[in-house]
N, C-alpha and C. Protein backbone atom coordinates (compact mmCIF):
# COMPACT_ATOMS: atom_id res chain seq x y z
N MET A 1 0.65 26.23 -8.67
CA MET A 1 0.07 24.91 -8.83
C MET A 1 0.92 23.91 -8.07
N PRO A 2 0.31 23.07 -7.23
CA PRO A 2 1.07 22.05 -6.50
C PRO A 2 1.73 21.05 -7.46
N ASN A 3 2.83 20.45 -6.97
CA ASN A 3 3.59 19.50 -7.78
C ASN A 3 4.07 18.37 -6.87
N LEU A 4 3.90 17.11 -7.30
CA LEU A 4 4.31 15.96 -6.50
C LEU A 4 5.81 15.93 -6.21
N PHE A 5 6.61 16.58 -7.06
CA PHE A 5 8.06 16.56 -6.89
C PHE A 5 8.59 17.79 -6.14
N ALA A 6 7.71 18.67 -5.72
CA ALA A 6 8.12 19.88 -4.99
C ALA A 6 8.33 19.57 -3.51
N ASN A 7 9.26 20.27 -2.90
CA ASN A 7 9.50 20.20 -1.45
C ASN A 7 9.75 18.78 -0.94
N LEU A 8 10.58 18.04 -1.66
CA LEU A 8 10.94 16.69 -1.21
C LEU A 8 11.89 16.78 -0.02
N PRO A 9 11.80 15.83 0.90
CA PRO A 9 12.75 15.82 2.03
C PRO A 9 14.15 15.47 1.52
N ALA A 10 15.14 15.67 2.36
CA ALA A 10 16.51 15.32 2.00
C ALA A 10 16.60 13.83 1.66
N ALA A 11 17.47 13.49 0.72
CA ALA A 11 17.59 12.10 0.26
C ALA A 11 18.05 11.17 1.38
N ASP A 12 18.68 11.70 2.41
CA ASP A 12 19.15 10.87 3.53
C ASP A 12 18.23 10.99 4.75
N ALA A 13 16.97 11.34 4.53
CA ALA A 13 16.03 11.50 5.64
C ALA A 13 15.91 10.19 6.42
N SER A 14 15.83 10.30 7.73
CA SER A 14 15.77 9.10 8.56
C SER A 14 14.36 8.52 8.66
N ALA A 15 13.35 9.29 8.26
CA ALA A 15 11.97 8.82 8.34
C ALA A 15 11.24 9.14 7.04
N GLU A 16 10.23 8.34 6.77
CA GLU A 16 9.40 8.62 5.61
C GLU A 16 8.60 9.90 5.86
N GLU A 17 8.26 10.58 4.78
CA GLU A 17 7.44 11.79 4.89
C GLU A 17 6.07 11.51 4.28
N PHE A 18 5.03 11.78 5.04
CA PHE A 18 3.65 11.60 4.61
C PHE A 18 3.01 12.98 4.44
N SER A 19 2.48 13.26 3.25
CA SER A 19 1.82 14.55 2.98
C SER A 19 0.42 14.28 2.46
N ARG A 20 -0.56 14.74 3.20
CA ARG A 20 -1.95 14.58 2.75
C ARG A 20 -2.24 15.63 1.68
N LEU A 21 -2.68 15.17 0.53
CA LEU A 21 -2.95 16.05 -0.60
C LEU A 21 -4.44 16.37 -0.73
N LEU A 22 -5.27 15.42 -0.30
CA LEU A 22 -6.72 15.60 -0.40
C LEU A 22 -7.37 14.74 0.67
N VAL A 23 -8.31 15.34 1.39
CA VAL A 23 -9.07 14.59 2.40
C VAL A 23 -10.54 14.87 2.15
N GLN A 24 -11.28 13.81 1.89
CA GLN A 24 -12.72 13.89 1.69
C GLN A 24 -13.36 12.75 2.47
N ARG A 25 -14.65 12.75 2.54
CA ARG A 25 -15.34 11.66 3.24
C ARG A 25 -14.99 10.33 2.56
N ASN A 26 -14.50 9.38 3.33
CA ASN A 26 -14.13 8.04 2.86
C ASN A 26 -12.99 8.03 1.86
N LEU A 27 -12.18 9.11 1.81
CA LEU A 27 -11.09 9.18 0.82
C LEU A 27 -9.95 10.05 1.35
N VAL A 28 -8.73 9.53 1.29
CA VAL A 28 -7.54 10.32 1.62
C VAL A 28 -6.49 10.03 0.55
N VAL A 29 -5.94 11.08 -0.05
CA VAL A 29 -4.87 10.96 -1.03
C VAL A 29 -3.60 11.48 -0.38
N GLU A 30 -2.53 10.67 -0.41
CA GLU A 30 -1.27 11.05 0.22
C GLU A 30 -0.11 10.88 -0.76
N ARG A 31 0.89 11.71 -0.54
CA ARG A 31 2.20 11.47 -1.15
C ARG A 31 3.09 10.96 -0.03
N ILE A 32 3.77 9.84 -0.28
CA ILE A 32 4.72 9.30 0.69
C ILE A 32 6.07 9.30 0.02
N VAL A 33 7.08 9.84 0.71
CA VAL A 33 8.44 9.84 0.19
C VAL A 33 9.28 8.97 1.12
N SER A 34 9.86 7.92 0.54
CA SER A 34 10.71 6.99 1.29
C SER A 34 12.14 7.15 0.82
N SER A 35 13.08 7.03 1.74
CA SER A 35 14.50 7.17 1.41
C SER A 35 15.26 5.96 1.97
N GLY A 36 14.86 4.77 1.50
CA GLY A 36 15.51 3.55 1.97
C GLY A 36 14.85 2.92 3.17
N GLN A 37 13.71 3.42 3.60
CA GLN A 37 13.03 2.85 4.78
C GLN A 37 12.31 1.55 4.41
N SER A 38 11.98 0.79 5.45
CA SER A 38 11.18 -0.42 5.31
C SER A 38 10.36 -0.59 6.59
N SER A 39 9.40 -1.50 6.55
CA SER A 39 8.61 -1.78 7.75
C SER A 39 9.51 -2.42 8.80
N PRO A 40 9.26 -2.16 10.07
CA PRO A 40 10.05 -2.80 11.14
C PRO A 40 9.92 -4.32 11.07
N PRO A 41 10.92 -5.05 11.51
CA PRO A 41 10.86 -6.52 11.50
C PRO A 41 9.60 -7.02 12.22
N GLY A 42 8.89 -7.93 11.58
CA GLY A 42 7.71 -8.52 12.18
C GLY A 42 6.45 -7.68 12.10
N PHE A 43 6.54 -6.45 11.59
CA PHE A 43 5.38 -5.56 11.51
C PHE A 43 4.62 -5.78 10.21
N TRP A 44 3.29 -5.83 10.31
CA TRP A 44 2.41 -5.95 9.14
C TRP A 44 1.34 -4.87 9.22
N TYR A 45 1.13 -4.15 8.12
CA TYR A 45 -0.01 -3.24 8.04
C TYR A 45 -1.27 -4.09 7.95
N ASP A 46 -2.30 -3.70 8.68
CA ASP A 46 -3.61 -4.33 8.64
C ASP A 46 -4.61 -3.19 8.77
N GLN A 47 -4.89 -2.56 7.64
CA GLN A 47 -5.63 -1.29 7.63
C GLN A 47 -7.12 -1.51 7.46
N PRO A 48 -7.95 -0.70 8.12
CA PRO A 48 -9.40 -0.86 8.03
C PRO A 48 -9.97 -0.42 6.68
N ASN A 49 -9.21 0.37 5.93
CA ASN A 49 -9.67 0.84 4.63
C ASN A 49 -8.83 0.24 3.52
N ALA A 50 -9.37 0.21 2.31
CA ALA A 50 -8.62 -0.23 1.14
C ALA A 50 -7.62 0.86 0.77
N GLU A 51 -6.59 0.46 0.02
CA GLU A 51 -5.55 1.42 -0.39
C GLU A 51 -5.10 1.12 -1.81
N TRP A 52 -5.17 2.13 -2.66
CA TRP A 52 -4.65 2.04 -4.02
C TRP A 52 -3.32 2.77 -4.02
N ILE A 53 -2.25 2.12 -4.52
CA ILE A 53 -0.93 2.74 -4.52
C ILE A 53 -0.37 2.81 -5.93
N LEU A 54 0.34 3.90 -6.20
CA LEU A 54 1.04 4.09 -7.46
C LEU A 54 2.46 4.51 -7.12
N LEU A 55 3.43 3.77 -7.64
CA LEU A 55 4.83 4.13 -7.43
C LEU A 55 5.21 5.14 -8.51
N ILE A 56 5.50 6.36 -8.11
CA ILE A 56 5.80 7.45 -9.05
C ILE A 56 7.27 7.45 -9.43
N GLN A 57 8.13 7.18 -8.46
CA GLN A 57 9.58 7.25 -8.68
C GLN A 57 10.26 6.23 -7.76
N GLY A 58 11.38 5.70 -8.21
CA GLY A 58 12.16 4.78 -7.38
C GLY A 58 11.70 3.34 -7.53
N GLU A 59 12.09 2.54 -6.55
CA GLU A 59 11.75 1.11 -6.53
C GLU A 59 11.37 0.72 -5.12
N ALA A 60 10.58 -0.35 -5.03
CA ALA A 60 10.16 -0.84 -3.72
C ALA A 60 9.89 -2.34 -3.80
N SER A 61 9.98 -2.97 -2.64
CA SER A 61 9.64 -4.37 -2.51
C SER A 61 8.51 -4.44 -1.49
N LEU A 62 7.37 -4.99 -1.90
CA LEU A 62 6.18 -5.05 -1.06
C LEU A 62 5.83 -6.52 -0.84
N ARG A 63 5.54 -6.87 0.38
CA ARG A 63 5.24 -8.27 0.72
C ARG A 63 3.84 -8.37 1.30
N PHE A 64 3.08 -9.36 0.84
CA PHE A 64 1.76 -9.66 1.37
C PHE A 64 1.85 -10.93 2.20
N ALA A 65 1.15 -10.97 3.33
CA ALA A 65 1.21 -12.13 4.22
C ALA A 65 0.70 -13.39 3.55
N ASP A 66 -0.19 -13.23 2.56
CA ASP A 66 -0.78 -14.40 1.90
C ASP A 66 -0.06 -14.80 0.60
N GLU A 67 1.11 -14.24 0.36
CA GLU A 67 1.89 -14.59 -0.82
C GLU A 67 3.29 -15.03 -0.39
N PRO A 68 3.87 -16.03 -1.06
CA PRO A 68 5.17 -16.55 -0.65
C PRO A 68 6.36 -15.64 -1.00
N GLU A 69 6.20 -14.79 -2.00
CA GLU A 69 7.30 -13.93 -2.46
C GLU A 69 6.93 -12.46 -2.39
N SER A 70 7.93 -11.61 -2.23
CA SER A 70 7.72 -10.16 -2.29
C SER A 70 7.46 -9.74 -3.73
N ARG A 71 6.74 -8.66 -3.90
CA ARG A 71 6.52 -8.07 -5.22
C ARG A 71 7.52 -6.94 -5.40
N GLN A 72 8.19 -6.93 -6.54
CA GLN A 72 9.15 -5.87 -6.85
C GLN A 72 8.44 -4.81 -7.69
N LEU A 73 8.42 -3.58 -7.20
CA LEU A 73 7.72 -2.50 -7.88
C LEU A 73 8.70 -1.50 -8.44
N VAL A 74 8.39 -0.98 -9.62
CA VAL A 74 9.17 0.09 -10.24
C VAL A 74 8.21 1.22 -10.61
N ALA A 75 8.76 2.37 -10.96
CA ALA A 75 7.94 3.53 -11.30
C ALA A 75 6.88 3.15 -12.33
N GLY A 76 5.66 3.53 -12.03
CA GLY A 76 4.54 3.25 -12.91
C GLY A 76 3.69 2.07 -12.44
N ASP A 77 4.23 1.22 -11.57
CA ASP A 77 3.45 0.09 -11.07
C ASP A 77 2.41 0.58 -10.07
N TYR A 78 1.23 -0.06 -10.10
CA TYR A 78 0.19 0.27 -9.14
C TYR A 78 -0.51 -0.99 -8.66
N LEU A 79 -1.10 -0.90 -7.49
CA LEU A 79 -1.79 -2.02 -6.85
C LEU A 79 -2.99 -1.51 -6.08
N ASP A 80 -3.99 -2.36 -5.95
CA ASP A 80 -5.13 -2.09 -5.08
C ASP A 80 -5.06 -3.10 -3.95
N ILE A 81 -4.98 -2.61 -2.73
CA ILE A 81 -4.84 -3.47 -1.56
C ILE A 81 -6.16 -3.45 -0.79
N ALA A 82 -6.79 -4.60 -0.67
CA ALA A 82 -8.07 -4.70 0.03
C ALA A 82 -7.91 -4.35 1.51
N ALA A 83 -8.98 -3.88 2.09
CA ALA A 83 -8.98 -3.60 3.54
C ALA A 83 -8.60 -4.87 4.29
N HIS A 84 -7.80 -4.73 5.30
CA HIS A 84 -7.33 -5.82 6.18
C HIS A 84 -6.45 -6.86 5.49
N ARG A 85 -5.97 -6.57 4.28
CA ARG A 85 -5.01 -7.48 3.66
C ARG A 85 -3.63 -7.13 4.22
N ARG A 86 -3.07 -8.03 5.00
CA ARG A 86 -1.81 -7.76 5.68
C ARG A 86 -0.67 -7.65 4.68
N HIS A 87 0.10 -6.56 4.84
CA HIS A 87 1.24 -6.31 3.95
C HIS A 87 2.30 -5.52 4.67
N ARG A 88 3.50 -5.50 4.08
CA ARG A 88 4.62 -4.76 4.66
C ARG A 88 5.52 -4.29 3.53
N VAL A 89 6.30 -3.24 3.82
CA VAL A 89 7.29 -2.74 2.87
C VAL A 89 8.62 -3.38 3.25
N GLU A 90 9.14 -4.21 2.36
CA GLU A 90 10.41 -4.90 2.60
C GLU A 90 11.60 -3.97 2.35
N ALA A 91 11.50 -3.10 1.33
CA ALA A 91 12.61 -2.19 1.00
C ALA A 91 12.11 -1.09 0.08
N THR A 92 12.80 0.06 0.15
CA THR A 92 12.57 1.16 -0.79
C THR A 92 13.93 1.71 -1.21
N SER A 93 13.97 2.25 -2.41
CA SER A 93 15.23 2.85 -2.88
C SER A 93 15.43 4.22 -2.25
N ALA A 94 16.69 4.56 -1.98
CA ALA A 94 17.03 5.87 -1.42
C ALA A 94 17.45 6.84 -2.53
N ARG A 95 18.07 6.32 -3.55
CA ARG A 95 18.52 7.13 -4.69
C ARG A 95 18.17 6.40 -5.97
N PRO A 96 17.16 6.82 -6.70
CA PRO A 96 16.32 7.95 -6.35
C PRO A 96 15.37 7.59 -5.21
N GLN A 97 14.91 8.63 -4.55
CA GLN A 97 13.93 8.41 -3.49
C GLN A 97 12.71 7.71 -4.07
N THR A 98 12.02 6.99 -3.22
CA THR A 98 10.79 6.33 -3.63
C THR A 98 9.63 7.28 -3.33
N ILE A 99 8.87 7.60 -4.36
CA ILE A 99 7.70 8.47 -4.19
C ILE A 99 6.46 7.67 -4.53
N TRP A 100 5.58 7.59 -3.54
CA TRP A 100 4.32 6.87 -3.69
C TRP A 100 3.17 7.87 -3.75
N LEU A 101 2.14 7.55 -4.52
CA LEU A 101 0.87 8.25 -4.43
C LEU A 101 -0.11 7.20 -3.93
N THR A 102 -0.75 7.46 -2.80
CA THR A 102 -1.66 6.48 -2.22
C THR A 102 -3.05 7.08 -2.08
N ILE A 103 -4.03 6.23 -2.30
CA ILE A 103 -5.42 6.63 -2.12
C ILE A 103 -6.03 5.63 -1.14
N HIS A 104 -6.36 6.11 0.04
CA HIS A 104 -7.04 5.30 1.05
C HIS A 104 -8.54 5.56 0.88
N TYR A 105 -9.29 4.49 0.73
CA TYR A 105 -10.71 4.69 0.51
C TYR A 105 -11.53 3.63 1.24
N ARG A 106 -12.75 3.99 1.48
CA ARG A 106 -13.69 3.09 2.15
C ARG A 106 -14.94 3.02 1.29
N LEU A 107 -15.29 1.82 0.89
CA LEU A 107 -16.47 1.65 0.07
C LEU A 107 -17.71 1.68 0.94
N PRO A 108 -18.74 2.39 0.51
CA PRO A 108 -19.97 2.40 1.30
C PRO A 108 -20.60 1.00 1.30
N GLU A 109 -21.27 0.70 2.37
CA GLU A 109 -21.95 -0.59 2.47
C GLU A 109 -23.01 -0.68 1.38
N LEU A 110 -23.04 -1.81 0.72
CA LEU A 110 -24.06 -2.02 -0.32
C LEU A 110 -25.32 -2.54 0.34
N SER A 111 -26.44 -1.96 0.00
CA SER A 111 -27.69 -2.44 0.55
C SER A 111 -28.48 -3.11 -0.57
N GLY A 112 -29.29 -4.04 -0.23
CA GLY A 112 -30.02 -4.70 -1.30
C GLY A 112 -30.94 -5.64 -0.78
């Protein structure tokens, strides 16, 4: 049986590790393991799909372009990020590693 805590990268990994756990039409579930990484200076994610995130382990600081302050996340915190809502990762903990569970999804167009 797969386990979110199995096969983690080394705690001093120089890059984040992205593992796709499930891929379906309009849906991708990933485990992301961060070891102190952050978004590059001046970089903002602007994704075409919405993203639901759950912090499983560690701590992180997430910043939205439309908010004056960063949000401090701890294990158990979750957020839903709308498509094209600009955001960046300001910081992640290295010890313990930061483990995210993310769900990227696209809502079908509503007709009416």
